[in-house]
Protein backbone atom coordinates (compact mmCIF):
# COMPACT_ATOMS: atom_id res chain seq x y z
CA UNK A 1 18.92 52.08 89.50
CA UNK A 2 20.85 54.16 91.84
CA UNK A 3 22.61 50.90 93.19
CA UNK A 4 23.89 50.24 89.61
CA UNK A 5 24.88 53.87 89.13
CA UNK A 6 27.00 53.84 92.36
CA UNK A 7 28.61 50.56 91.44
CA UNK A 8 29.64 51.86 88.15
CA UNK A 9 30.97 55.06 89.36
CA UNK A 10 33.03 53.13 91.94
CA UNK A 11 34.36 50.91 89.28
CA UNK A 12 35.34 53.78 87.00
CA UNK A 13 36.90 55.60 90.02
CA UNK A 14 39.00 52.50 91.00
CA UNK A 15 40.06 52.01 87.45
CA UNK A 16 41.05 55.75 87.03
CA UNK A 17 43.07 55.57 90.42
CA UNK A 18 44.74 52.48 89.25
CA UNK A 19 45.82 53.91 85.92
CA UNK A 20 47.22 57.03 87.63
CA UNK A 21 49.10 54.83 89.95
CA UNK A 22 50.69 52.73 87.25
CA UNK A 23 51.72 56.01 85.45
CA UNK A 24 53.48 57.31 88.49
CA UNK A 25 55.51 54.24 89.41
CA UNK A 26 58.64 53.68 87.52
CA UNK A 27 59.49 50.25 85.78
CA UNK A 28 60.68 47.41 87.90
CA UNK A 29 59.69 45.18 90.74
CA UNK A 30 57.58 47.82 92.34
CA UNK A 31 55.51 48.28 89.12
CA UNK A 32 54.85 44.36 89.12
CA UNK A 33 53.59 44.55 92.78
CA UNK A 34 51.46 47.70 92.04
CA UNK A 35 49.93 45.94 89.01
CA UNK A 36 48.94 42.79 91.17
CA UNK A 37 47.58 45.25 93.77
CA UNK A 38 45.80 47.29 91.24
CA UNK A 39 44.38 44.18 89.70
CA UNK A 40 42.99 43.16 93.09
CA UNK A 41 41.52 46.57 93.71
CA UNK A 42 39.71 46.41 90.29
CA UNK A 43 38.45 42.96 91.03
CA UNK A 44 37.17 44.10 94.43
CA UNK A 45 35.44 46.96 92.77
CA UNK A 46 34.01 44.67 90.17
CA UNK A 47 32.73 42.23 92.68
CA UNK A 48 31.36 44.90 95.24
CA UNK A 49 27.74 44.06 94.57
CA UNK A 50 28.36 40.43 95.19
CA UNK A 51 30.38 41.12 98.51
CA UNK A 52 27.50 43.39 99.67
CA UNK A 53 24.68 41.03 98.52
CA UNK A 54 21.77 41.20 100.82
CA UNK A 55 20.52 37.51 100.73
CA UNK A 56 17.41 38.49 102.76
CA UNK A 57 15.86 40.31 99.61
CA UNK A 58 16.51 37.12 97.55
CA UNK A 59 15.16 34.91 100.29
CA UNK A 60 11.89 37.18 100.76
CA UNK A 61 11.48 37.19 97.06
CA UNK A 62 11.86 33.21 96.88
CA UNK A 63 9.39 32.76 99.73
CA UNK A 64 6.92 35.19 98.23
CA UNK A 65 7.11 33.28 94.98
CA UNK A 66 6.89 29.96 96.78
CA UNK A 67 3.67 31.12 98.60
CA UNK A 68 2.12 32.44 95.24
CA UNK A 69 2.97 28.94 93.73
CA UNK A 70 1.47 27.14 96.72
CA UNK A 71 -1.85 29.29 96.47
CA UNK A 72 -2.08 28.90 92.74
CA UNK A 73 -1.63 24.94 93.21
CA UNK A 74 -4.37 25.02 96.01
CA UNK A 75 -6.80 26.93 93.70
CA UNK A 76 -6.13 24.55 90.83
CA UNK A 77 -6.66 21.62 93.15
CA UNK A 78 -9.96 23.05 94.34
CA UNK A 79 -10.97 23.72 90.69
CA UNK A 80 -10.21 20.06 89.78
CA UNK A 81 -12.05 18.76 92.89
CA UNK A 82 -15.12 20.78 91.95
CA UNK A 83 -15.01 19.53 88.38
CA UNK A 84 -14.60 15.96 89.73
CA UNK A 85 -17.43 16.20 92.04
CA UNK A 86 -19.63 17.74 89.26
CA UNK A 87 -18.55 14.89 87.00
CA UNK A 88 -19.50 12.35 89.47
CA UNK A 89 -22.71 13.98 90.37
CA UNK A 90 -23.73 14.16 86.67
CA UNK A 91 -22.61 10.46 86.01
CA UNK A 92 -24.50 9.23 89.04
CA UNK A 93 -27.79 11.12 88.04
CA UNK A 94 -27.47 9.62 84.64
CA UNK A 95 -27.09 6.14 86.03
CA UNK A 96 -30.14 6.53 88.26
CA UNK A 97 -32.15 7.96 85.35
CA UNK A 98 -31.07 4.82 83.16
CA UNK A 99 -32.08 2.55 86.10
CA UNK A 100 -35.51 4.30 86.40
CA UNK A 101 -36.14 4.08 82.76
CA UNK A 102 -35.32 0.30 82.90
CA UNK A 103 -37.99 0.11 85.53
CA UNK A 104 -40.57 2.01 83.44
CA UNK A 105 -40.13 5.20 85.32
CA UNK A 106 -39.36 8.74 84.08
CA UNK A 107 -37.30 10.92 86.40
CA UNK A 108 -34.78 13.69 86.40
CA UNK A 109 -32.66 13.21 89.52
CA UNK A 110 -30.16 15.64 90.96
CA UNK A 111 -27.18 14.44 92.95
CA UNK A 112 -25.12 16.11 95.45
CA UNK A 113 -21.48 14.71 96.69
CA UNK A 114 -19.50 14.89 99.92
CA UNK A 115 -15.96 14.27 100.44
CA UNK A 116 -14.81 10.94 101.94
CA UNK A 117 -11.18 10.90 102.66
CA UNK A 118 -10.60 13.57 100.14
CA UNK A 119 -12.57 11.96 97.27
CA UNK A 120 -16.15 13.09 96.45
CA UNK A 121 -18.81 10.59 96.69
CA UNK A 122 -22.54 10.82 95.92
CA UNK A 123 -24.23 11.29 99.25
CA UNK A 124 -27.83 12.75 98.45
CA UNK A 125 -30.20 12.32 95.61
CA UNK A 126 -33.38 14.33 94.81
CA UNK A 127 -36.01 12.49 92.74
CA UNK A 128 -39.05 14.34 91.02
CA UNK A 129 -41.22 11.19 91.28
CA UNK A 130 -43.05 9.60 94.25
CA UNK A 131 -41.23 7.02 96.21
CA UNK A 132 -40.51 3.63 94.47
CA UNK A 133 -39.19 0.81 96.45
CA UNK A 134 -37.13 -1.11 93.95
CA UNK A 135 -35.40 2.26 92.71
CA UNK A 136 -34.72 3.24 96.15
CA UNK A 137 -33.13 -0.13 96.96
CA UNK A 138 -31.17 0.17 93.79
CA UNK A 139 -29.80 3.53 94.75
CA UNK A 140 -29.04 2.24 98.25
CA UNK A 141 -27.31 -0.83 97.16
CA UNK A 142 -25.53 0.31 93.90
CA UNK A 143 -24.69 3.77 94.88
CA UNK A 144 -24.39 3.54 98.65
CA UNK A 145 -26.80 6.31 99.07
CA UNK A 146 -28.90 5.45 102.09
CA UNK A 147 -32.66 6.07 102.19
CA UNK A 148 -32.02 9.08 104.51
CA UNK A 149 -30.14 10.55 101.50
CA UNK A 150 -32.96 9.97 99.04
CA UNK A 151 -35.30 12.81 98.68
CA UNK A 152 -38.47 11.84 96.92
CA UNK A 153 -41.24 14.04 95.32
CA UNK A 154 -43.52 13.67 98.40
CA UNK A 155 -40.65 14.56 100.58
CA UNK A 156 -40.05 18.10 99.11
CA UNK A 157 -42.07 20.69 100.83
């Protein structure tokens, strides 16, 4: 606020000085020269903030804004990745449950995911039933979850 006040005081002081100068100079060529010079003085007083503009303030402000935007974008990306991983885990568990029901089994699988090249893939499944070979083969073949990633009821301590 004090910068604006200083600028306004300087602008009014320049305008007052130019007005006094115009009233003291007699008509003629000298007055025309004084008006041109006075106009330049007023223009410089008007543009003084732009002439003394500290670009570092704007650059720092822009950098800070840019950093905040990048942080927000990364946070949103993380939320979306978590949502996608959760969706994949839920859909995979539903698929396994449907396959188990088709084989006459009742189970409630839980699936976890891991990133492969930035994309979440199902990597481990917990099944609340004893080991069942055909279901295990189906999980390994259809979902690419190896037997080491399949934890059956008897494997749970």
